[in-house]
Amino acid sequence: MSFWETRQAEMYQAGEMRVNQYFTRLEKAFNQTKRELQKTIEAFYFRYVKENGLSYAEAQKRLDKEELGELKDFIALAMQNIGKYNQTVNNMSIKARITRYQALEAEVDAILRQLYAVDYQAMAEETMREVYEESYYRTWYNIDQYRGFHAAFSKVEPRTVETLLEYPFNGANFSSRLWKQKDHLQTQLMESLTTMMIQGRHPSTLAKDFAKKMQSKKFDAYRLLHTESSFLMSEATHAGYKEDGVEKYQILATLDSKTCGVCGELDGDVHEVDKAVVGVNMPPFHPLCRCTDTPYYDDMDLSDMPRAARDPETGKTYDVPGDMTYKEWKEQFLNDTGSSKKKKRSKTELQAAGEEALALTEKYSTRESKWSGRIVVDDNKCRKEHIAGRKLWNCDILLKSTAVDKTVIHEQLHARSGSYMNPITIIPHSNMEEASVELLAQEICRAEGIPFQDSLNVRVDALRKINAIAGIYEKDLDFAVALFAKDIRRRYQWLERQVEKHSGEHLEDQEQLRELLDLVKGMKK
């Protein structure tokens, strides 16, 4: 990687790490808020429940004076950390017109305001200030290191980040988008509560629905934080340019298959610092944008400088010429579907790969393989099914001519796992089958030094997190081997028992493990 590409990557990685550390704390705050909401709703339910459940009509009855006082105390306690008083509740209380349902809505509002004002906005803004300052000073240091050091430099003004957070990047400022998320979540939660009352259901039925809604808002929060931090890092970088006399900058997109067409078209473009406009000719260009930019000097010769690109299959980086643009890289290294130009193998070569994979899987499993011994190569069939390979019910292995070794290993593991059963028996366990087979295939490749693309697989990721949190095995390979060794019909139950055995007494860990188990089983998306 070139001097500037390396420095920019280090700077953005440092900023991203700081944001991710904060987001880990925010996730815990979301989980705690979910528990508080459930406790509040259950307390409401048991207070007013009648013989046949709590009806919506019962919820619309007005509070008495004692209940009004309790509500005001609850709101005051919930609001004390953010220094705000709920004037709407106050006005309604004075007129004694607030209903039980409105009181519950006010309590939900107070709990969410606590989350979004203290744990989300206040802590996020402090993190953003740290990200901006670190990016600014890193940029200054990098430029001086490249062009020569000088003593005088300007410090970050405390008001700078506050001003930038008020900038309506991507249509609205940070605070507006954050509170819009809160209002949307509250609306969704109240709709679920109304449905519960109308249908006369117990509040325990809301647990999964609430968890799903909170998980969705966690992702919205991550997207907002990532995008806002990218915006602030970019602004800090350009502030450093101006202070150090940099006149031009060059846009740098990521050379991999995930880069969008917008960023790809802008890669390599050179612009004047004084004419930079965020979202137009200065990154970020869209939410979750990964583009950066670097100083550009007219006397720079990039042809002799390497630039990093990422192989879509192996996930490893390799060097390309420094003056190669994304468009040139894509034309040379990617096919029309956005995946890497894979090497085609003949049927004979793939048959040999199947034999090697069979022998390799014997090292990690004592289960007998039911592979027929036949590799079927059919590009058209694989293309129609959008697959690279599949173990057929007759125990042949179907492969695309460009199938990599990890795919062959994956299908050979299927031949050892589910081939003893008919489709009716194995289909109910297909989620666990796919996740456990893919986990072991990846771990075998890592152990044997076989390159593969480490792409996102939510259920495999969930299995890794389960092992990490519960500490079932020290290494994921040992965990994958032990899990795969169980009969597919018993695999999930074994995993549940291991979680119960190792998870300890921490409530947060237990709840997270339960969610991960549900994800593996297929109860969550």
Protein backbone atom coordinates (compact mmCIF):
# COMPACT_ATOMS: atom_id res chain seq x y z
CA MET A 1 0.00 0.00 0.00
CA SER A 2 1.16 3.55 -0.71
CA PHE A 3 2.06 6.07 2.01
CA TRP A 4 -1.29 7.85 1.81
CA GLU A 5 -3.44 4.76 1.42
CA THR A 6 -1.82 3.24 4.49
CA ARG A 7 -2.21 6.41 6.58
CA GLN A 8 -5.85 6.90 5.59
CA ALA A 9 -6.66 3.26 6.30
CA GLU A 10 -5.07 3.55 9.76
CA MET A 11 -6.97 6.75 10.51
CA TYR A 12 -10.36 5.38 9.49
CA GLN A 13 -9.74 2.09 11.28
CA ALA A 14 -8.93 4.02 14.47
CA GLY A 15 -12.15 6.05 14.13
CA GLU A 16 -14.21 2.97 13.35
CA MET A 17 -12.76 1.13 16.35
CA ARG A 18 -13.73 4.00 18.66
CA VAL A 19 -17.27 4.02 17.26
CA ASN A 20 -17.55 0.23 17.57
CA GLN A 21 -16.39 0.36 21.19
CA TYR A 22 -19.10 2.90 21.93
CA PHE A 23 -21.70 0.88 20.02
CA THR A 24 -20.95 -2.17 22.19
CA ARG A 25 -21.99 -0.11 25.22
CA LEU A 26 -25.04 1.19 23.37
CA GLU A 27 -26.14 -2.37 22.57
CA LYS A 28 -26.14 -3.16 26.28
CA ALA A 29 -28.23 -0.04 26.92
CA PHE A 30 -30.76 -1.17 24.29
CA ASN A 31 -30.98 -4.60 25.93
CA GLN A 32 -31.46 -3.06 29.38
CA THR A 33 -34.18 -0.76 28.01
CA LYS A 34 -35.97 -3.74 26.49
CA ARG A 35 -36.04 -5.40 29.92
CA GLU A 36 -37.33 -2.21 31.58
CA LEU A 37 -40.10 -1.89 28.98
CA GLN A 38 -41.19 -5.49 29.52
CA LYS A 39 -41.25 -5.03 33.31
CA THR A 40 -43.28 -1.82 32.98
CA ILE A 41 -45.82 -3.42 30.64
CA GLU A 42 -46.19 -6.50 32.83
CA ALA A 43 -46.71 -4.32 35.91
CA PHE A 44 -49.37 -2.37 34.00
CA TYR A 45 -51.03 -5.58 32.89
CA PHE A 46 -51.22 -7.20 36.32
CA ARG A 47 -52.47 -4.00 37.89
CA TYR A 48 -55.54 -3.71 35.67
CA VAL A 49 -56.10 -7.26 34.44
CA LYS A 50 -59.61 -8.66 34.87
CA GLU A 51 -60.80 -12.24 34.82
CA ASN A 52 -60.71 -12.45 31.02
CA GLY A 53 -57.59 -10.37 30.50
CA LEU A 54 -56.93 -6.67 30.00
CA SER A 55 -59.24 -5.15 27.40
CA TYR A 56 -58.57 -2.00 25.41
CA ALA A 57 -61.71 -0.50 26.97
CA GLU A 58 -60.26 -1.05 30.46
CA ALA A 59 -57.08 0.65 29.36
CA GLN A 60 -59.03 3.74 28.27
CA LYS A 61 -60.38 4.43 31.79
CA ARG A 62 -58.99 7.52 33.50
CA LEU A 63 -56.45 7.41 36.30
CA ASP A 64 -57.45 8.35 39.81
CA LYS A 65 -55.56 10.93 41.89
CA GLU A 66 -53.27 8.38 43.52
CA GLU A 67 -52.33 6.90 40.15
CA LEU A 68 -51.69 10.38 38.74
CA GLY A 69 -49.24 11.07 41.55
CA GLU A 70 -47.46 7.77 40.96
CA LEU A 71 -47.19 8.53 37.27
CA LYS A 72 -45.69 11.97 37.89
CA ASP A 73 -43.14 10.41 40.27
CA PHE A 74 -42.24 7.79 37.63
CA ILE A 75 -41.77 10.42 34.92
CA ALA A 76 -39.71 12.68 37.21
CA LEU A 77 -37.43 9.78 38.16
CA ALA A 78 -37.00 8.67 34.55
CA MET A 79 -36.29 12.21 33.36
CA GLN A 80 -33.86 13.24 36.09
CA ASN A 81 -30.74 12.29 34.13
CA ILE A 82 -31.71 14.38 31.11
CA GLY A 83 -32.99 17.41 32.96
CA LYS A 84 -36.34 17.52 31.19
CA TYR A 85 -39.88 17.47 32.53
CA ASN A 86 -42.68 15.96 30.50
CA GLN A 87 -44.93 18.99 30.04
CA THR A 88 -47.50 16.96 28.11
CA VAL A 89 -48.04 14.65 31.08
CA ASN A 90 -48.13 17.64 33.40
CA ASN A 91 -50.85 19.36 31.39
CA MET A 92 -52.93 16.19 31.14
CA SER A 93 -52.53 15.52 34.87
CA ILE A 94 -53.77 19.01 35.78
CA LYS A 95 -56.93 18.42 33.76
CA ALA A 96 -57.26 14.88 35.17
CA ARG A 97 -57.99 13.53 31.70
CA ILE A 98 -55.14 11.10 31.31
CA THR A 99 -56.20 7.49 30.71
CA ARG A 100 -54.45 4.30 31.71
CA TYR A 101 -53.37 3.77 28.10
CA GLN A 102 -51.98 7.32 27.86
CA ALA A 103 -50.19 6.81 31.17
CA LEU A 104 -48.54 3.65 29.82
CA GLU A 105 -47.56 5.51 26.65
CA ALA A 106 -46.03 8.27 28.80
CA GLU A 107 -44.01 5.67 30.73
CA VAL A 108 -42.78 4.08 27.50
CA ASP A 109 -41.88 7.53 26.20
CA ALA A 110 -39.90 8.32 29.38
CA ILE A 111 -37.96 5.04 29.23
CA LEU A 112 -37.07 5.58 25.57
CA ARG A 113 -36.10 9.20 26.18
CA GLN A 114 -33.68 8.03 28.85
CA LEU A 115 -32.10 5.61 26.34
CA TYR A 116 -31.92 8.01 23.42
CA ALA A 117 -30.90 11.15 25.34
CA VAL A 118 -28.30 9.73 27.74
CA ASP A 119 -26.95 6.46 26.35
CA TYR A 120 -27.39 7.33 22.68
CA GLN A 121 -27.13 11.05 21.95
CA ALA A 122 -24.92 12.31 24.79
CA MET A 123 -22.44 9.43 24.62
CA ALA A 124 -22.46 9.43 20.81
CA GLU A 125 -21.68 13.13 20.60
CA GLU A 126 -18.78 12.68 23.02
CA THR A 127 -17.48 9.81 20.87
CA MET A 128 -17.85 11.97 17.74
CA ARG A 129 -15.77 14.73 19.32
CA GLU A 130 -13.01 12.22 20.04
CA VAL A 131 -13.20 10.83 16.47
CA TYR A 132 -13.01 14.32 14.95
CA GLU A 133 -10.05 15.43 17.07
CA GLU A 134 -8.08 12.24 16.45
CA SER A 135 -8.72 12.40 12.67
CA TYR A 136 -7.72 16.08 12.52
CA TYR A 137 -4.43 15.61 14.33
CA ARG A 138 -3.61 12.40 12.45
CA THR A 139 -4.14 14.21 9.14
CA TRP A 140 -1.91 17.06 10.26
CA TYR A 141 0.83 14.65 11.35
CA ASN A 142 0.62 12.58 8.15
CA ILE A 143 0.91 15.64 5.91
CA ASP A 144 3.87 16.95 7.88
CA GLN A 145 5.50 13.54 7.79
CA TYR A 146 5.15 13.50 4.01
CA ARG A 147 6.04 17.14 3.23
CA GLY A 148 8.12 18.19 6.24
CA PHE A 149 7.28 19.17 9.82
CA HIS A 150 6.57 22.68 11.05
CA ALA A 151 5.94 23.94 14.56
CA ALA A 152 2.75 26.02 14.34
CA PHE A 153 -0.64 24.35 14.05
CA SER A 154 -4.21 25.18 15.01
CA LYS A 155 -6.07 23.26 17.70
CA VAL A 156 -9.62 21.98 17.32
CA GLU A 157 -12.19 24.52 18.43
CA PRO A 158 -14.65 22.97 20.96
CA ARG A 159 -17.62 24.36 19.04
CA THR A 160 -16.52 22.79 15.72
CA VAL A 161 -18.01 19.33 16.28
CA GLU A 162 -21.25 20.77 17.67
CA THR A 163 -21.61 22.84 14.51
CA LEU A 164 -20.93 19.85 12.28
CA LEU A 165 -23.45 17.70 14.17
CA GLU A 166 -26.04 20.35 13.38
CA TYR A 167 -25.21 20.14 9.66
CA PRO A 168 -28.07 18.42 7.76
CA PHE A 169 -25.90 15.78 6.12
CA ASN A 170 -27.99 13.21 4.23
CA GLY A 171 -31.19 15.26 4.65
CA ALA A 172 -31.29 15.90 8.42
CA ASN A 173 -28.87 16.56 11.25
CA PHE A 174 -27.68 13.92 13.70
CA SER A 175 -30.09 14.85 16.50
CA SER A 176 -33.16 14.95 14.23
CA ARG A 177 -32.44 11.54 12.74
CA LEU A 178 -31.74 10.07 16.18
CA TRP A 179 -35.04 11.29 17.68
CA LYS A 180 -36.91 10.24 14.55
CA GLN A 181 -35.66 6.71 15.26
CA LYS A 182 -36.96 6.98 18.82
CA ASP A 183 -40.41 8.20 17.73
CA HIS A 184 -40.69 5.43 15.14
CA LEU A 185 -39.75 2.79 17.72
CA GLN A 186 -42.28 4.15 20.20
CA THR A 187 -45.04 4.09 17.57
CA GLN A 188 -44.22 0.47 16.72
CA LEU A 189 -44.19 -0.59 20.39
CA MET A 190 -47.52 1.10 21.14
CA GLU A 191 -49.11 -0.53 18.08
CA SER A 192 -48.03 -3.92 19.43
CA LEU A 193 -49.42 -3.05 22.88
CA THR A 194 -52.75 -1.97 21.40
CA THR A 195 -53.01 -5.22 19.46
CA MET A 196 -52.21 -7.18 22.64
CA MET A 197 -55.04 -5.46 24.53
CA ILE A 198 -57.57 -5.81 21.72
CA GLN A 199 -56.81 -9.51 21.37
CA GLY A 200 -56.68 -10.03 25.14
CA ARG A 201 -53.24 -11.62 25.06
CA HIS A 202 -50.66 -11.87 27.87
CA PRO A 203 -47.71 -9.40 27.66
CA SER A 204 -45.26 -12.31 27.52
CA THR A 205 -46.38 -12.76 23.91
CA LEU A 206 -44.71 -9.42 23.12
CA ALA A 207 -41.21 -10.55 24.08
CA LYS A 208 -40.14 -11.77 20.63
CA ASP A 209 -41.88 -8.90 18.85
CA PHE A 210 -40.18 -6.32 21.10
CA ALA A 211 -36.80 -8.02 20.66
CA LYS A 212 -37.17 -7.87 16.87
CA LYS A 213 -38.13 -4.18 16.92
CA MET A 214 -35.27 -3.27 19.28
CA GLN A 215 -32.81 -5.22 17.13
CA SER A 216 -33.96 -3.28 14.07
CA LYS A 217 -33.40 0.02 15.85
CA LYS A 218 -29.96 -1.14 16.99
CA PHE A 219 -28.98 -1.54 13.34
CA ASP A 220 -30.46 1.89 12.52
CA ALA A 221 -28.33 3.32 15.32
CA TYR A 222 -25.20 1.59 14.00
CA ARG A 223 -25.84 2.86 10.47
CA LEU A 224 -26.36 6.42 11.72
CA LEU A 225 -23.24 6.33 13.92
CA HIS A 226 -21.08 4.85 11.15
CA THR A 227 -22.28 7.39 8.59
CA GLU A 228 -22.00 10.36 10.96
CA SER A 229 -18.52 9.35 12.09
CA SER A 230 -17.43 9.00 8.44
CA PHE A 231 -18.78 12.50 7.81
CA LEU A 232 -16.88 13.93 10.79
CA MET A 233 -13.63 12.11 9.87
CA SER A 234 -13.91 13.49 6.35
CA GLU A 235 -14.55 17.01 7.67
CA ALA A 236 -11.60 16.69 10.07
CA THR A 237 -9.37 15.49 7.23
CA HIS A 238 -10.29 18.47 5.08
CA ALA A 239 -9.80 20.87 7.99
CA GLY A 240 -6.29 19.45 8.23
CA TYR A 241 -5.79 19.94 4.49
CA LYS A 242 -6.73 23.61 4.73
CA GLU A 243 -4.55 24.25 7.78
CA ASP A 244 -1.53 22.64 6.12
CA GLY A 245 -1.97 24.23 2.69
CA VAL A 246 -3.10 21.16 0.74
CA GLU A 247 -4.78 22.44 -2.43
CA LYS A 248 -6.07 19.23 -4.04
CA TYR A 249 -7.34 15.82 -2.93
CA GLN A 250 -8.03 12.51 -4.65
CA ILE A 251 -11.00 10.22 -3.93
CA LEU A 252 -10.08 6.70 -2.88
CA ALA A 253 -12.73 3.96 -3.14
CA THR A 254 -12.24 0.43 -1.83
CA LEU A 255 -11.15 -2.03 -4.49
CA ASP A 256 -13.48 -4.92 -3.76
CA SER A 257 -16.77 -6.37 -4.97
CA LYS A 258 -18.86 -4.51 -2.35
CA THR A 259 -18.07 -1.03 -3.69
CA CYS A 260 -21.16 0.56 -5.21
CA GLY A 261 -21.38 2.10 -8.68
CA VAL A 262 -21.49 5.66 -7.30
CA CYS A 263 -18.22 5.31 -5.41
CA GLY A 264 -16.63 3.29 -8.20
CA GLU A 265 -17.29 6.06 -10.72
CA LEU A 266 -15.72 8.70 -8.45
CA ASP A 267 -12.59 6.68 -7.59
CA GLY A 268 -9.41 8.48 -8.65
CA ASP A 269 -11.11 11.84 -9.29
CA VAL A 270 -9.06 14.88 -8.24
CA HIS A 271 -10.76 17.99 -6.80
CA GLU A 272 -9.74 21.29 -5.26
CA VAL A 273 -9.96 21.43 -1.47
CA ASP A 274 -11.72 24.81 -1.54
CA LYS A 275 -14.49 23.39 -3.75
CA ALA A 276 -15.20 20.24 -1.74
CA VAL A 277 -18.88 19.50 -1.08
CA VAL A 278 -19.71 16.52 1.12
CA GLY A 279 -21.86 13.96 -0.68
CA VAL A 280 -21.04 15.47 -4.08
CA ASN A 281 -17.28 15.36 -4.59
CA MET A 282 -16.20 14.59 -1.03
CA PRO A 283 -16.97 11.42 0.96
CA PRO A 284 -19.10 10.02 2.42
CA PHE A 285 -21.41 9.80 -0.58
CA HIS A 286 -24.14 7.67 1.04
CA PRO A 287 -24.91 5.86 4.32
CA LEU A 288 -22.25 3.28 5.27
CA CYS A 289 -19.92 4.69 2.61
CA ARG A 290 -16.34 3.39 2.86
CA CYS A 291 -14.67 5.98 0.59
CA THR A 292 -11.84 8.18 1.81
CA ASP A 293 -9.66 10.78 0.11
CA THR A 294 -5.97 11.62 0.20
CA PRO A 295 -3.89 14.75 -0.48
CA TYR A 296 -2.96 15.11 -4.13
CA TYR A 297 0.16 16.89 -5.32
CA ASP A 298 0.83 17.63 -8.97
CA ASP A 299 4.32 16.17 -8.70
CA MET A 300 3.05 12.83 -7.35
CA ASP A 301 3.79 9.75 -9.45
CA LEU A 302 1.40 6.96 -8.42
CA SER A 303 2.49 4.47 -11.08
CA ASP A 304 5.33 3.13 -8.93
CA MET A 305 3.24 3.06 -5.75
CA PRO A 306 1.20 -0.06 -4.89
CA ARG A 307 -2.51 0.10 -4.09
CA ALA A 308 -4.39 -2.53 -2.10
CA ALA A 309 -7.27 -4.56 -3.53
CA ARG A 310 -9.28 -7.32 -1.89
CA ASP A 311 -9.86 -10.74 -3.42
CA PRO A 312 -13.61 -11.53 -3.16
CA GLU A 313 -12.95 -15.26 -2.79
CA THR A 314 -10.12 -15.39 -0.25
CA GLY A 315 -10.74 -12.08 1.51
CA LYS A 316 -7.00 -11.41 1.29
CA THR A 317 -5.47 -8.19 -0.03
CA TYR A 318 -3.03 -7.93 -2.90
CA ASP A 319 -1.26 -5.04 -4.61
CA VAL A 320 -2.23 -3.40 -7.89
CA PRO A 321 -0.62 -0.33 -9.53
CA GLY A 322 -1.20 2.86 -7.54
CA ASP A 323 -2.72 4.69 -10.49
CA MET A 324 -5.28 1.93 -11.22
CA THR A 325 -8.85 3.17 -10.76
CA TYR A 326 -11.82 1.15 -9.54
CA LYS A 327 -13.25 0.98 -13.07
CA GLU A 328 -9.99 -0.44 -14.42
CA TRP A 329 -9.74 -2.91 -11.53
CA LYS A 330 -13.34 -4.08 -11.98
CA GLU A 331 -12.88 -4.63 -15.71
CA GLN A 332 -9.75 -6.66 -15.12
CA PHE A 333 -10.65 -8.66 -12.00
CA LEU A 334 -14.45 -8.90 -11.70
CA ASN A 335 -17.05 -10.54 -13.89
CA ASP A 336 -20.51 -9.15 -14.70
CA THR A 337 -22.06 -10.44 -11.46
CA GLY A 338 -19.55 -8.60 -9.26
CA SER A 339 -17.73 -11.73 -8.11
CA SER A 340 -14.10 -12.46 -8.88
CA LYS A 341 -13.15 -14.05 -12.16
CA LYS A 342 -12.79 -17.58 -10.87
CA LYS A 343 -10.70 -20.19 -12.50
CA LYS A 344 -12.72 -22.88 -14.24
CA ARG A 345 -11.82 -26.49 -13.58
CA SER A 346 -12.52 -29.53 -15.65
CA LYS A 347 -14.66 -32.39 -14.42
CA THR A 348 -11.50 -34.44 -13.92
CA GLU A 349 -9.95 -31.69 -11.79
CA LEU A 350 -13.11 -31.31 -9.70
CA GLN A 351 -13.39 -35.08 -9.28
CA ALA A 352 -9.86 -35.04 -7.89
CA ALA A 353 -10.80 -32.12 -5.61
CA GLY A 354 -13.76 -34.17 -4.38
CA GLU A 355 -11.48 -37.10 -3.51
CA GLU A 356 -9.08 -34.78 -1.66
CA ALA A 357 -11.96 -33.16 0.24
CA LEU A 358 -13.28 -36.61 1.21
CA ALA A 359 -9.92 -37.56 2.73
CA LEU A 360 -9.63 -34.18 4.44
CA THR A 361 -13.02 -34.41 6.13
CA GLU A 362 -12.04 -37.80 7.57
CA LYS A 363 -9.50 -35.95 9.74
CA TYR A 364 -12.27 -34.00 11.46
CA SER A 365 -15.21 -36.41 11.58
CA THR A 366 -15.64 -40.09 12.35
CA ARG A 367 -19.05 -40.12 10.66
CA GLU A 368 -19.08 -42.36 7.60
CA SER A 369 -19.47 -40.58 4.27
CA LYS A 370 -22.37 -41.57 2.03
CA TRP A 371 -20.94 -39.80 -1.02
CA SER A 372 -21.64 -41.79 -4.15
CA GLY A 373 -18.14 -41.04 -5.42
CA ARG A 374 -19.52 -39.04 -8.36
CA ILE A 375 -19.01 -35.32 -9.07
CA VAL A 376 -21.59 -33.76 -11.41
CA VAL A 377 -20.50 -30.53 -13.12
CA ASP A 378 -23.43 -28.49 -14.46
CA ASP A 379 -22.95 -24.72 -14.76
CA ASN A 380 -26.44 -24.08 -16.12
CA LYS A 381 -28.18 -25.88 -13.26
CA CYS A 382 -26.03 -24.16 -10.66
CA ARG A 383 -26.65 -20.79 -12.28
CA LYS A 384 -30.41 -21.31 -12.22
CA GLU A 385 -30.32 -22.30 -8.55
CA HIS A 386 -27.82 -19.50 -7.67
CA ILE A 387 -25.44 -21.97 -6.05
CA ALA A 388 -21.80 -23.03 -6.38
CA GLY A 389 -22.54 -26.59 -5.29
CA ARG A 390 -25.03 -28.91 -3.64
CA LYS A 391 -25.07 -32.44 -2.26
CA LEU A 392 -27.90 -34.20 -4.14
CA TRP A 393 -30.34 -36.58 -2.47
CA ASN A 394 -28.82 -39.52 -4.35
CA CYS A 395 -25.49 -38.49 -2.73
CA ASP A 396 -23.88 -37.25 -5.94
CA ILE A 397 -22.22 -33.84 -5.50
CA LEU A 398 -23.28 -31.15 -7.96
CA LEU A 399 -20.67 -28.43 -8.61
CA LYS A 400 -20.20 -25.38 -10.76
CA SER A 401 -17.01 -25.47 -12.85
CA THR A 402 -15.70 -22.49 -10.85
CA ALA A 403 -16.42 -24.04 -7.42
CA VAL A 404 -13.59 -23.42 -4.95
CA ASP A 405 -12.13 -26.00 -2.57
CA LYS A 406 -14.15 -24.75 0.41
CA THR A 407 -17.37 -25.46 -1.50
CA VAL A 408 -16.23 -29.01 -2.23
CA ILE A 409 -15.36 -29.53 1.46
CA HIS A 410 -18.74 -28.11 2.48
CA GLU A 411 -20.62 -30.59 0.27
CA GLN A 412 -18.48 -33.50 1.44
CA LEU A 413 -19.43 -32.62 5.02
CA HIS A 414 -23.11 -32.75 4.02
CA ALA A 415 -22.43 -36.26 2.72
CA ARG A 416 -21.24 -37.20 6.23
CA SER A 417 -24.01 -35.39 8.10
CA GLY A 418 -27.47 -35.73 6.63
CA SER A 419 -27.19 -38.44 4.04
CA TYR A 420 -28.44 -41.11 6.46
CA MET A 421 -31.91 -39.57 6.45
CA ASN A 422 -34.63 -38.88 3.92
CA PRO A 423 -35.68 -35.30 3.04
CA ILE A 424 -38.73 -35.34 5.34
CA THR A 425 -36.50 -36.10 8.32
CA ILE A 426 -33.71 -33.62 7.62
CA ILE A 427 -35.63 -30.57 6.28
CA PRO A 428 -36.90 -29.49 9.76
CA HIS A 429 -33.25 -29.30 10.85
CA SER A 430 -31.93 -27.61 7.68
CA ASN A 431 -30.95 -24.32 9.39
CA MET A 432 -28.74 -26.08 11.92
CA GLU A 433 -27.41 -28.41 9.23
CA GLU A 434 -26.28 -25.55 6.99
CA ALA A 435 -24.84 -23.48 9.83
CA SER A 436 -22.88 -26.30 11.48
CA VAL A 437 -21.56 -27.63 8.15
CA GLU A 438 -20.45 -24.18 6.98
CA LEU A 439 -18.79 -23.42 10.32
CA LEU A 440 -16.77 -26.63 10.18
CA ALA A 441 -15.92 -26.11 6.48
CA GLN A 442 -14.53 -22.65 7.28
CA GLU A 443 -12.55 -23.91 10.26
CA ILE A 444 -11.09 -26.80 8.25
CA CYS A 445 -9.97 -24.34 5.58
CA ARG A 446 -8.33 -22.13 8.20
CA ALA A 447 -6.59 -25.08 9.85
CA GLU A 448 -5.36 -26.48 6.52
CA GLY A 449 -4.40 -23.11 4.98
CA ILE A 450 -7.00 -23.34 2.23
CA PRO A 451 -8.02 -19.85 0.96
CA PHE A 452 -11.71 -18.97 0.96
CA GLN A 453 -13.99 -15.95 1.02
CA ASP A 454 -15.08 -15.22 4.60
CA SER A 455 -18.46 -13.80 3.62
CA LEU A 456 -21.21 -12.90 6.10
CA ASN A 457 -23.38 -15.81 7.23
CA VAL A 458 -25.65 -14.77 10.10
CA ARG A 459 -26.17 -18.27 11.53
CA VAL A 460 -22.48 -19.18 11.36
CA ASP A 461 -21.70 -15.85 13.00
CA ALA A 462 -24.29 -16.66 15.68
CA LEU A 463 -22.62 -20.02 16.39
CA ARG A 464 -19.25 -18.31 16.78
CA LYS A 465 -20.75 -15.76 19.18
CA ILE A 466 -22.43 -18.53 21.22
CA ASN A 467 -19.09 -20.28 21.67
CA ALA A 468 -17.34 -17.00 22.52
CA ILE A 469 -19.92 -15.86 25.10
CA ALA A 470 -20.56 -19.24 26.74
CA GLY A 471 -16.94 -20.40 26.45
CA ILE A 472 -17.91 -23.93 25.40
CA TYR A 473 -14.56 -24.55 23.66
CA GLU A 474 -11.44 -22.41 23.58
CA LYS A 475 -11.13 -22.77 19.79
CA ASP A 476 -13.91 -22.52 17.19
CA LEU A 477 -12.45 -25.52 15.37
CA ASP A 478 -12.92 -27.79 18.41
CA PHE A 479 -16.41 -26.38 18.90
CA ALA A 480 -17.29 -26.99 15.22
CA VAL A 481 -15.99 -30.58 15.34
CA ALA A 482 -17.96 -31.36 18.52
CA LEU A 483 -21.17 -29.82 17.17
CA PHE A 484 -20.89 -31.64 13.85
CA ALA A 485 -20.29 -34.95 15.64
CA LYS A 486 -23.86 -34.93 16.97
CA ASP A 487 -26.75 -36.42 15.04
CA ILE A 488 -28.41 -33.59 13.12
CA ARG A 489 -31.69 -34.34 14.94
CA ARG A 490 -29.94 -33.83 18.30
CA ARG A 491 -27.50 -31.06 17.37
CA TYR A 492 -29.63 -28.12 18.53
CA GLN A 493 -30.55 -29.78 21.83
CA TRP A 494 -26.85 -30.49 22.50
CA LEU A 495 -26.04 -26.84 21.83
CA GLU A 496 -28.79 -25.70 24.22
CA ARG A 497 -27.42 -27.95 26.96
CA GLN A 498 -23.90 -26.62 26.45
CA VAL A 499 -25.19 -23.06 26.71
CA GLU A 500 -27.07 -23.85 29.93
CA LYS A 501 -23.96 -25.54 31.31
CA HIS A 502 -21.49 -22.78 30.47
CA SER A 503 -23.43 -19.49 30.36
CA GLY A 504 -23.27 -18.73 34.10
CA GLU A 505 -25.60 -16.40 35.94
CA HIS A 506 -25.18 -13.13 34.00
CA LEU A 507 -28.67 -12.14 32.86
CA GLU A 508 -27.44 -10.12 29.87
CA ASP A 509 -25.38 -13.05 28.58
CA GLN A 510 -28.29 -15.45 29.01
CA GLU A 511 -30.65 -13.20 27.07
CA GLN A 512 -28.14 -12.68 24.27
CA LEU A 513 -27.45 -16.41 24.08
CA ARG A 514 -31.18 -17.10 23.87
CA GLU A 515 -31.50 -14.70 20.95
CA LEU A 516 -28.51 -16.31 19.21
CA LEU A 517 -29.96 -19.80 19.71
CA ASP A 518 -33.26 -18.63 18.19
CA LEU A 519 -31.35 -17.20 15.24
CA VAL A 520 -29.53 -20.49 14.63
CA LYS A 521 -32.77 -22.44 14.84
CA GLY A 522 -34.46 -20.09 12.40
CA MET A 523 -36.90 -18.34 14.75
CA LYS A 524 -35.36 -14.95 13.87
CA LYS A 525 -34.23 -13.32 10.69
